[in-house]
N, C-alpha and C. Protein backbone atom coordinates (compact mmCIF):
# COMPACT_ATOMS: atom_id res chain seq x y z
N MET A 1 26.27 -18.74 -13.85
CA MET A 1 25.41 -19.90 -13.76
C MET A 1 24.09 -19.55 -13.10
N HIS A 2 24.13 -18.82 -11.99
CA HIS A 2 22.91 -18.46 -11.29
C HIS A 2 22.06 -17.50 -12.11
N LEU A 3 22.69 -16.63 -12.86
CA LEU A 3 21.94 -15.69 -13.69
C LEU A 3 21.15 -16.42 -14.76
N ARG A 4 21.70 -17.48 -15.30
CA ARG A 4 20.98 -18.25 -16.33
C ARG A 4 19.72 -18.88 -15.74
N ARG A 5 19.78 -19.29 -14.51
CA ARG A 5 18.60 -19.87 -13.87
C ARG A 5 17.56 -18.81 -13.57
N LEU A 6 18.00 -17.62 -13.23
CA LEU A 6 17.08 -16.55 -12.88
C LEU A 6 16.46 -15.88 -14.10
N LEU A 7 17.12 -15.92 -15.23
CA LEU A 7 16.63 -15.23 -16.42
C LEU A 7 15.23 -15.70 -16.83
N PRO A 8 14.95 -17.01 -16.91
CA PRO A 8 13.58 -17.41 -17.27
C PRO A 8 12.54 -16.91 -16.27
N LEU A 9 12.88 -16.92 -14.99
CA LEU A 9 11.96 -16.43 -13.98
C LEU A 9 11.71 -14.94 -14.16
N THR A 10 12.77 -14.19 -14.45
CA THR A 10 12.63 -12.75 -14.67
C THR A 10 11.74 -12.47 -15.87
N VAL A 11 11.93 -13.23 -16.94
CA VAL A 11 11.10 -13.05 -18.14
C VAL A 11 9.65 -13.38 -17.82
N LEU A 12 9.43 -14.46 -17.07
CA LEU A 12 8.07 -14.83 -16.69
C LEU A 12 7.41 -13.74 -15.86
N LEU A 13 8.11 -13.23 -14.87
CA LEU A 13 7.55 -12.18 -14.02
C LEU A 13 7.28 -10.91 -14.82
N ALA A 14 8.16 -10.56 -15.72
CA ALA A 14 7.94 -9.38 -16.56
C ALA A 14 6.70 -9.57 -17.42
N GLY A 15 6.52 -10.78 -17.93
CA GLY A 15 5.33 -11.07 -18.74
C GLY A 15 4.06 -10.97 -17.92
N LEU A 16 4.11 -11.46 -16.68
CA LEU A 16 2.93 -11.36 -15.81
C LEU A 16 2.59 -9.91 -15.51
N ALA A 17 3.61 -9.11 -15.26
CA ALA A 17 3.37 -7.70 -14.95
C ALA A 17 2.76 -6.98 -16.15
N ALA A 18 3.09 -7.47 -17.34
CA ALA A 18 2.56 -6.83 -18.55
C ALA A 18 1.16 -7.33 -18.88
N THR A 19 0.70 -8.37 -18.21
CA THR A 19 -0.64 -8.88 -18.44
C THR A 19 -1.65 -7.80 -18.03
N PRO A 20 -2.54 -7.41 -18.92
CA PRO A 20 -3.46 -6.30 -18.61
C PRO A 20 -4.22 -6.47 -17.31
N ALA A 21 -4.75 -7.66 -17.05
CA ALA A 21 -5.55 -7.84 -15.84
C ALA A 21 -4.72 -7.57 -14.59
N LEU A 22 -3.48 -8.03 -14.56
CA LEU A 22 -2.65 -7.83 -13.39
C LEU A 22 -2.08 -6.42 -13.34
N ALA A 23 -1.74 -5.88 -14.49
CA ALA A 23 -1.12 -4.56 -14.52
C ALA A 23 -2.10 -3.47 -14.09
N GLU A 24 -3.41 -3.70 -14.30
CA GLU A 24 -4.40 -2.67 -14.00
C GLU A 24 -4.85 -2.66 -12.55
N LEU A 25 -4.59 -3.74 -11.81
CA LEU A 25 -5.02 -3.79 -10.43
C LEU A 25 -4.21 -2.82 -9.59
N PRO A 26 -4.89 -2.01 -8.79
CA PRO A 26 -4.15 -1.07 -7.95
C PRO A 26 -3.37 -1.82 -6.87
N PRO A 27 -2.19 -1.31 -6.52
CA PRO A 27 -1.41 -1.95 -5.46
C PRO A 27 -2.10 -1.75 -4.11
N VAL A 28 -1.62 -2.52 -3.13
CA VAL A 28 -2.17 -2.37 -1.77
C VAL A 28 -1.97 -0.92 -1.35
N PRO A 29 -3.04 -0.25 -0.96
CA PRO A 29 -2.91 1.17 -0.63
C PRO A 29 -2.08 1.40 0.63
N GLN A 30 -1.40 2.51 0.61
CA GLN A 30 -0.71 3.00 1.80
C GLN A 30 -1.57 4.13 2.34
N VAL A 31 -2.20 3.89 3.45
CA VAL A 31 -3.22 4.80 3.97
C VAL A 31 -2.63 6.12 4.44
N GLY A 32 -1.45 6.08 4.99
CA GLY A 32 -0.83 7.33 5.46
C GLY A 32 -1.61 7.95 6.60
N GLN A 33 -1.89 9.22 6.48
CA GLN A 33 -2.54 9.98 7.55
C GLN A 33 -4.06 10.03 7.45
N GLU A 34 -4.63 9.34 6.47
CA GLU A 34 -6.09 9.34 6.35
C GLU A 34 -6.71 8.73 7.60
N THR A 35 -7.72 9.39 8.10
CA THR A 35 -8.40 8.91 9.30
C THR A 35 -9.82 8.51 8.95
N PRO A 36 -10.15 7.24 9.17
CA PRO A 36 -11.52 6.81 8.86
C PRO A 36 -12.52 7.38 9.84
N LYS A 37 -13.72 7.60 9.33
CA LYS A 37 -14.84 8.02 10.18
C LYS A 37 -15.86 6.89 10.19
N PRO A 38 -16.42 6.60 11.34
CA PRO A 38 -17.42 5.52 11.37
C PRO A 38 -18.60 5.85 10.46
N VAL A 39 -19.08 4.84 9.77
CA VAL A 39 -20.25 4.98 8.91
C VAL A 39 -21.48 4.77 9.80
N ALA A 40 -22.45 5.66 9.69
CA ALA A 40 -23.61 5.62 10.58
C ALA A 40 -24.40 4.32 10.47
N ALA A 41 -24.68 3.86 9.28
CA ALA A 41 -25.50 2.66 9.10
C ALA A 41 -25.01 1.87 7.88
N PRO A 42 -23.91 1.13 8.03
CA PRO A 42 -23.36 0.42 6.87
C PRO A 42 -24.15 -0.83 6.46
N TYR A 43 -25.05 -1.30 7.31
CA TYR A 43 -25.78 -2.52 7.02
C TYR A 43 -27.23 -2.21 6.71
N GLY A 44 -27.71 -2.80 5.64
CA GLY A 44 -29.10 -2.63 5.25
C GLY A 44 -30.01 -3.51 6.10
N PRO A 45 -31.24 -3.67 5.67
CA PRO A 45 -32.17 -4.51 6.43
C PRO A 45 -31.70 -5.96 6.48
N THR A 46 -32.18 -6.69 7.47
CA THR A 46 -31.79 -8.09 7.61
C THR A 46 -32.41 -8.96 6.51
N GLU A 47 -33.53 -8.52 5.98
CA GLU A 47 -34.21 -9.28 4.94
C GLU A 47 -33.42 -9.20 3.64
N GLY A 48 -33.41 -10.29 2.90
CA GLY A 48 -32.79 -10.29 1.57
C GLY A 48 -31.29 -10.50 1.56
N ALA A 49 -30.70 -10.82 2.69
CA ALA A 49 -29.24 -10.97 2.76
C ALA A 49 -28.73 -12.10 1.87
N GLN A 50 -29.43 -13.23 1.87
CA GLN A 50 -28.97 -14.36 1.06
C GLN A 50 -28.98 -13.99 -0.42
N ALA A 51 -29.99 -13.26 -0.87
CA ALA A 51 -30.04 -12.83 -2.27
C ALA A 51 -28.88 -11.91 -2.60
N GLN A 52 -28.50 -11.04 -1.65
CA GLN A 52 -27.35 -10.15 -1.87
C GLN A 52 -26.05 -10.94 -1.96
N VAL A 53 -25.91 -11.95 -1.11
CA VAL A 53 -24.71 -12.80 -1.15
C VAL A 53 -24.68 -13.57 -2.47
N ASP A 54 -25.80 -14.11 -2.89
CA ASP A 54 -25.87 -14.84 -4.16
C ASP A 54 -25.48 -13.93 -5.32
N ALA A 55 -25.97 -12.69 -5.31
CA ALA A 55 -25.63 -11.73 -6.37
C ALA A 55 -24.14 -11.40 -6.34
N ALA A 56 -23.57 -11.29 -5.16
CA ALA A 56 -22.13 -11.01 -5.04
C ALA A 56 -21.32 -12.14 -5.65
N PHE A 57 -21.72 -13.38 -5.40
CA PHE A 57 -20.99 -14.52 -5.98
C PHE A 57 -21.15 -14.60 -7.49
N LYS A 58 -22.30 -14.22 -7.98
CA LYS A 58 -22.49 -14.19 -9.44
C LYS A 58 -21.52 -13.18 -10.06
N THR A 59 -21.44 -12.01 -9.46
CA THR A 59 -20.50 -10.98 -9.96
C THR A 59 -19.06 -11.45 -9.81
N ALA A 60 -18.74 -12.09 -8.69
CA ALA A 60 -17.38 -12.57 -8.46
C ALA A 60 -16.97 -13.58 -9.53
N LYS A 61 -17.86 -14.47 -9.89
CA LYS A 61 -17.56 -15.46 -10.92
C LYS A 61 -17.34 -14.80 -12.27
N GLU A 62 -18.09 -13.73 -12.54
CA GLU A 62 -17.95 -13.03 -13.81
C GLU A 62 -16.67 -12.20 -13.87
N THR A 63 -16.20 -11.72 -12.74
CA THR A 63 -15.07 -10.79 -12.71
C THR A 63 -13.77 -11.39 -12.18
N GLY A 64 -13.85 -12.55 -11.54
CA GLY A 64 -12.66 -13.18 -10.99
C GLY A 64 -12.21 -12.60 -9.66
N ARG A 65 -13.03 -11.72 -9.07
CA ARG A 65 -12.68 -11.16 -7.76
C ARG A 65 -13.19 -12.07 -6.65
N ASN A 66 -12.56 -11.98 -5.49
CA ASN A 66 -13.04 -12.69 -4.32
C ASN A 66 -14.20 -11.91 -3.70
N VAL A 67 -14.95 -12.59 -2.85
CA VAL A 67 -16.09 -11.97 -2.16
C VAL A 67 -15.67 -11.64 -0.73
N LEU A 68 -15.91 -10.42 -0.32
CA LEU A 68 -15.70 -9.99 1.06
C LEU A 68 -17.08 -9.88 1.69
N ILE A 69 -17.38 -10.80 2.60
CA ILE A 69 -18.67 -10.78 3.29
C ILE A 69 -18.42 -10.22 4.69
N ASP A 70 -19.06 -9.10 4.96
CA ASP A 70 -18.91 -8.41 6.24
C ASP A 70 -20.20 -8.60 7.03
N PHE A 71 -20.13 -9.42 8.08
CA PHE A 71 -21.28 -9.66 8.94
C PHE A 71 -21.21 -8.70 10.12
N GLY A 72 -22.29 -7.97 10.37
CA GLY A 72 -22.30 -7.04 11.49
C GLY A 72 -23.66 -6.42 11.71
N GLY A 73 -23.65 -5.35 12.48
CA GLY A 73 -24.88 -4.63 12.79
C GLY A 73 -24.59 -3.15 12.96
N ASN A 74 -25.57 -2.34 12.68
CA ASN A 74 -25.39 -0.88 12.77
C ASN A 74 -25.17 -0.41 14.21
N TRP A 75 -25.47 -1.23 15.19
CA TRP A 75 -25.26 -0.91 16.60
C TRP A 75 -23.80 -1.11 17.02
N CYS A 76 -23.01 -1.77 16.18
CA CYS A 76 -21.64 -2.18 16.52
C CYS A 76 -20.62 -1.13 16.12
N PRO A 77 -19.92 -0.50 17.09
CA PRO A 77 -18.95 0.53 16.75
C PRO A 77 -17.77 0.02 15.91
N ASP A 78 -17.33 -1.21 16.12
CA ASP A 78 -16.23 -1.74 15.32
C ASP A 78 -16.68 -2.00 13.88
N CYS A 79 -17.92 -2.42 13.71
CA CYS A 79 -18.48 -2.63 12.37
C CYS A 79 -18.54 -1.31 11.61
N ARG A 80 -19.00 -0.29 12.29
CA ARG A 80 -19.12 1.03 11.66
C ARG A 80 -17.75 1.60 11.31
N MET A 81 -16.74 1.34 12.14
CA MET A 81 -15.39 1.82 11.85
C MET A 81 -14.78 1.04 10.69
N LEU A 82 -14.99 -0.27 10.65
CA LEU A 82 -14.51 -1.06 9.53
C LEU A 82 -15.07 -0.52 8.22
N ALA A 83 -16.35 -0.22 8.20
CA ALA A 83 -16.98 0.36 7.01
C ALA A 83 -16.31 1.68 6.64
N GLY A 84 -15.94 2.47 7.65
CA GLY A 84 -15.24 3.72 7.40
C GLY A 84 -13.88 3.52 6.75
N VAL A 85 -13.17 2.50 7.18
CA VAL A 85 -11.87 2.20 6.57
C VAL A 85 -12.06 1.81 5.11
N LEU A 86 -13.05 0.98 4.84
CA LEU A 86 -13.29 0.52 3.47
C LEU A 86 -13.71 1.65 2.54
N GLU A 87 -14.22 2.75 3.11
CA GLU A 87 -14.65 3.89 2.30
C GLU A 87 -13.58 4.97 2.14
N LEU A 88 -12.43 4.82 2.78
CA LEU A 88 -11.37 5.82 2.63
C LEU A 88 -11.01 5.99 1.16
N PRO A 89 -10.74 7.23 0.73
CA PRO A 89 -10.41 7.46 -0.69
C PRO A 89 -9.22 6.64 -1.20
N SER A 90 -8.26 6.35 -0.34
CA SER A 90 -7.12 5.54 -0.79
C SER A 90 -7.42 4.05 -0.78
N VAL A 91 -8.46 3.64 -0.08
CA VAL A 91 -8.76 2.21 0.09
C VAL A 91 -9.89 1.75 -0.82
N ALA A 92 -10.92 2.54 -0.99
CA ALA A 92 -12.12 2.12 -1.73
C ALA A 92 -11.82 1.61 -3.14
N PRO A 93 -10.97 2.27 -3.94
CA PRO A 93 -10.70 1.74 -5.28
C PRO A 93 -9.99 0.38 -5.24
N TRP A 94 -9.11 0.22 -4.28
CA TRP A 94 -8.40 -1.06 -4.14
C TRP A 94 -9.39 -2.16 -3.76
N VAL A 95 -10.27 -1.88 -2.80
CA VAL A 95 -11.27 -2.86 -2.39
C VAL A 95 -12.14 -3.23 -3.58
N ALA A 96 -12.60 -2.25 -4.34
CA ALA A 96 -13.46 -2.51 -5.49
C ALA A 96 -12.75 -3.32 -6.57
N ALA A 97 -11.45 -3.14 -6.72
CA ALA A 97 -10.69 -3.87 -7.73
C ALA A 97 -10.47 -5.33 -7.34
N HIS A 98 -10.42 -5.62 -6.04
CA HIS A 98 -10.08 -6.96 -5.58
C HIS A 98 -11.24 -7.77 -5.02
N PHE A 99 -12.31 -7.10 -4.60
CA PHE A 99 -13.39 -7.80 -3.93
C PHE A 99 -14.75 -7.38 -4.47
N VAL A 100 -15.68 -8.29 -4.38
CA VAL A 100 -17.10 -7.96 -4.47
C VAL A 100 -17.53 -7.96 -3.01
N THR A 101 -17.96 -6.83 -2.51
CA THR A 101 -18.29 -6.74 -1.08
C THR A 101 -19.79 -6.84 -0.86
N VAL A 102 -20.12 -7.46 0.24
CA VAL A 102 -21.52 -7.54 0.65
C VAL A 102 -21.56 -7.46 2.17
N SER A 103 -22.40 -6.57 2.67
CA SER A 103 -22.57 -6.40 4.11
C SER A 103 -23.85 -7.13 4.52
N VAL A 104 -23.72 -8.00 5.51
CA VAL A 104 -24.84 -8.80 5.96
C VAL A 104 -25.20 -8.38 7.39
N ASN A 105 -26.40 -7.87 7.55
CA ASN A 105 -26.89 -7.45 8.85
C ASN A 105 -27.33 -8.69 9.63
N VAL A 106 -26.69 -8.90 10.78
CA VAL A 106 -27.02 -10.07 11.61
C VAL A 106 -27.90 -9.69 12.79
N GLY A 107 -28.49 -8.50 12.74
CA GLY A 107 -29.33 -8.05 13.84
C GLY A 107 -28.50 -7.98 15.12
N ARG A 108 -28.99 -8.57 16.17
CA ARG A 108 -28.24 -8.66 17.44
C ARG A 108 -27.60 -10.04 17.56
N ILE A 109 -26.98 -10.44 16.45
CA ILE A 109 -26.37 -11.76 16.30
C ILE A 109 -27.44 -12.84 16.48
N ASN A 110 -28.56 -12.61 15.77
CA ASN A 110 -29.67 -13.55 15.85
C ASN A 110 -30.36 -13.78 14.51
N THR A 111 -29.77 -13.30 13.41
CA THR A 111 -30.37 -13.54 12.10
C THR A 111 -29.26 -13.60 11.03
N ASN A 112 -29.54 -14.27 9.96
CA ASN A 112 -28.61 -14.45 8.84
C ASN A 112 -27.34 -15.20 9.22
N LEU A 113 -27.37 -15.88 10.34
CA LEU A 113 -26.19 -16.63 10.80
C LEU A 113 -25.93 -17.86 9.93
N ASP A 114 -26.98 -18.35 9.27
CA ASP A 114 -26.84 -19.52 8.41
C ASP A 114 -25.93 -19.25 7.21
N ILE A 115 -25.84 -17.99 6.81
CA ILE A 115 -24.97 -17.65 5.67
C ILE A 115 -23.52 -17.95 6.03
N ALA A 116 -23.09 -17.56 7.21
CA ALA A 116 -21.72 -17.84 7.65
C ALA A 116 -21.53 -19.34 7.88
N GLN A 117 -22.57 -20.00 8.42
CA GLN A 117 -22.48 -21.44 8.67
C GLN A 117 -22.17 -22.22 7.40
N HIS A 118 -22.66 -21.71 6.27
CA HIS A 118 -22.40 -22.35 4.97
C HIS A 118 -20.90 -22.49 4.72
N TYR A 119 -20.09 -21.59 5.29
CA TYR A 119 -18.63 -21.60 5.12
C TYR A 119 -17.92 -22.16 6.34
N GLY A 120 -18.69 -22.80 7.24
CA GLY A 120 -18.10 -23.40 8.42
C GLY A 120 -17.78 -22.42 9.53
N VAL A 121 -18.39 -21.23 9.50
CA VAL A 121 -18.11 -20.19 10.48
C VAL A 121 -19.34 -19.97 11.35
N THR A 122 -19.12 -19.99 12.66
CA THR A 122 -20.18 -19.66 13.61
C THR A 122 -19.93 -18.23 14.10
N ILE A 123 -20.90 -17.37 13.89
CA ILE A 123 -20.74 -15.97 14.31
C ILE A 123 -21.02 -15.87 15.80
N LYS A 124 -20.00 -15.42 16.52
CA LYS A 124 -20.12 -15.22 17.96
C LYS A 124 -19.95 -13.75 18.33
N ALA A 125 -19.35 -12.99 17.43
CA ALA A 125 -19.11 -11.57 17.63
C ALA A 125 -19.04 -10.91 16.25
N VAL A 126 -19.18 -9.62 16.23
CA VAL A 126 -19.10 -8.87 14.97
C VAL A 126 -18.13 -7.70 15.15
N PRO A 127 -17.52 -7.24 14.07
CA PRO A 127 -17.67 -7.77 12.72
C PRO A 127 -16.97 -9.12 12.56
N THR A 128 -17.60 -9.94 11.76
CA THR A 128 -17.00 -11.18 11.28
C THR A 128 -16.84 -11.01 9.79
N VAL A 129 -15.62 -11.18 9.30
CA VAL A 129 -15.33 -10.93 7.89
C VAL A 129 -14.84 -12.22 7.25
N LEU A 130 -15.49 -12.59 6.14
CA LEU A 130 -15.09 -13.76 5.37
C LEU A 130 -14.58 -13.29 4.02
N ILE A 131 -13.44 -13.84 3.61
CA ILE A 131 -12.93 -13.64 2.25
C ILE A 131 -13.09 -14.99 1.57
N VAL A 132 -13.90 -15.01 0.49
CA VAL A 132 -14.27 -16.27 -0.14
C VAL A 132 -14.00 -16.17 -1.64
N THR A 133 -13.43 -17.25 -2.19
CA THR A 133 -13.20 -17.28 -3.64
C THR A 133 -14.54 -17.36 -4.36
N PRO A 134 -14.56 -17.03 -5.65
CA PRO A 134 -15.81 -17.16 -6.41
C PRO A 134 -16.36 -18.59 -6.40
N GLN A 135 -15.48 -19.57 -6.18
CA GLN A 135 -15.91 -20.97 -6.13
C GLN A 135 -16.37 -21.38 -4.73
N GLY A 136 -16.28 -20.49 -3.73
CA GLY A 136 -16.80 -20.78 -2.41
C GLY A 136 -15.80 -21.24 -1.38
N ARG A 137 -14.50 -21.11 -1.66
CA ARG A 137 -13.47 -21.52 -0.68
C ARG A 137 -13.15 -20.36 0.25
N LEU A 138 -13.27 -20.57 1.54
CA LEU A 138 -12.97 -19.56 2.56
C LEU A 138 -11.46 -19.41 2.66
N LEU A 139 -10.96 -18.19 2.46
CA LEU A 139 -9.53 -17.93 2.47
C LEU A 139 -8.98 -17.53 3.84
N ASN A 140 -9.84 -17.09 4.75
CA ASN A 140 -9.36 -16.63 6.05
C ASN A 140 -10.04 -17.35 7.22
N PRO A 141 -10.05 -18.67 7.23
CA PRO A 141 -10.73 -19.36 8.33
C PRO A 141 -10.08 -19.07 9.68
N ASP A 142 -8.83 -18.68 9.68
CA ASP A 142 -8.11 -18.38 10.91
C ASP A 142 -8.24 -16.92 11.33
N GLY A 143 -8.94 -16.10 10.55
CA GLY A 143 -8.98 -14.68 10.86
C GLY A 143 -10.34 -14.02 10.76
N THR A 144 -11.40 -14.80 10.83
CA THR A 144 -12.73 -14.23 10.63
C THR A 144 -13.08 -13.17 11.67
N LEU A 145 -12.48 -13.26 12.86
CA LEU A 145 -12.76 -12.29 13.93
C LEU A 145 -11.64 -11.27 14.11
N ALA A 146 -10.64 -11.30 13.25
CA ALA A 146 -9.46 -10.45 13.43
C ALA A 146 -9.76 -8.95 13.36
N LEU A 147 -10.85 -8.59 12.71
CA LEU A 147 -11.21 -7.17 12.60
C LEU A 147 -12.21 -6.76 13.67
N GLY A 148 -12.40 -7.59 14.66
CA GLY A 148 -13.34 -7.32 15.73
C GLY A 148 -12.98 -6.15 16.61
N ASP A 149 -11.77 -5.67 16.50
CA ASP A 149 -11.33 -4.51 17.27
C ASP A 149 -10.94 -3.37 16.32
N ALA A 150 -11.72 -3.21 15.27
CA ALA A 150 -11.41 -2.25 14.21
C ALA A 150 -11.27 -0.82 14.73
N ARG A 151 -11.95 -0.49 15.82
CA ARG A 151 -11.84 0.88 16.37
C ARG A 151 -10.44 1.19 16.84
N ARG A 152 -9.73 0.17 17.30
CA ARG A 152 -8.40 0.39 17.86
C ARG A 152 -7.28 0.06 16.87
N MET A 153 -7.64 -0.48 15.72
CA MET A 153 -6.64 -0.84 14.71
C MET A 153 -6.39 0.35 13.80
N SER A 154 -5.19 0.42 13.26
CA SER A 154 -4.93 1.44 12.26
C SER A 154 -5.61 1.01 10.96
N ALA A 155 -5.94 1.98 10.15
CA ALA A 155 -6.54 1.67 8.86
C ALA A 155 -5.58 0.82 8.03
N GLN A 156 -4.29 1.09 8.15
CA GLN A 156 -3.30 0.31 7.40
C GLN A 156 -3.31 -1.15 7.84
N ALA A 157 -3.45 -1.39 9.13
CA ALA A 157 -3.50 -2.77 9.64
C ALA A 157 -4.70 -3.52 9.06
N VAL A 158 -5.83 -2.84 8.95
CA VAL A 158 -7.03 -3.45 8.37
C VAL A 158 -6.76 -3.82 6.91
N VAL A 159 -6.23 -2.87 6.15
CA VAL A 159 -5.94 -3.11 4.73
C VAL A 159 -4.93 -4.24 4.56
N ASP A 160 -3.91 -4.25 5.39
CA ASP A 160 -2.88 -5.28 5.28
C ASP A 160 -3.45 -6.67 5.55
N LEU A 161 -4.36 -6.78 6.52
CA LEU A 161 -5.01 -8.07 6.77
C LEU A 161 -5.82 -8.51 5.55
N LEU A 162 -6.62 -7.61 5.00
CA LEU A 162 -7.43 -7.94 3.83
C LEU A 162 -6.55 -8.37 2.67
N ALA A 163 -5.45 -7.66 2.46
CA ALA A 163 -4.55 -7.98 1.35
C ALA A 163 -3.92 -9.35 1.56
N GLY A 164 -3.53 -9.65 2.78
CA GLY A 164 -2.94 -10.94 3.06
C GLY A 164 -3.91 -12.08 2.82
N TRP A 165 -5.13 -11.91 3.28
CA TRP A 165 -6.13 -12.95 3.05
C TRP A 165 -6.44 -13.11 1.58
N ASN A 166 -6.56 -12.00 0.88
CA ASN A 166 -6.87 -12.04 -0.54
C ASN A 166 -5.74 -12.76 -1.30
N GLY A 167 -4.51 -12.57 -0.85
CA GLY A 167 -3.36 -13.20 -1.50
C GLY A 167 -3.35 -14.72 -1.37
N ARG A 168 -4.09 -15.24 -0.44
CA ARG A 168 -4.15 -16.70 -0.25
C ARG A 168 -4.88 -17.39 -1.41
N GLY A 169 -5.64 -16.61 -2.15
CA GLY A 169 -6.40 -17.20 -3.25
C GLY A 169 -5.63 -17.21 -4.55
N ALA A 170 -4.43 -16.66 -4.55
CA ALA A 170 -3.66 -16.58 -5.80
C ALA A 170 -3.04 -17.90 -6.19
């Protein structure tokens, strides 16, 4: 009796796994022994940030990926380490498959703050990371500052947080 109830679910799941879009997405990476190195200057100039965010959302709408907005500054060691995790060879393809990323330079937490305010987030520390659907829904309102101690976190912990937040949009 129980098997009959599970059979349609099994067929449905098998069909989903065979769907090209889902089958091609890389699984959550297992970082293993890879050690991230801080990126010297992951944030560009403060000017033009809104245009970069707008372009990221345009791409997200075209591709169905969520937007990862990383607010920070090149002076911030945790920001630089977070960028290093995102560039790891085991992590970068997964990030590219699931997110359109945009790094927003907030200076000394005194510029481009309005971009985060649009999503109901007040930047008080960096890095502040927002995971947003292509339609503009913030998926991690409870975790925007969770990567603020990226220097002391394992790369796997960073990836697992991102994967969990991204899964909220499914």
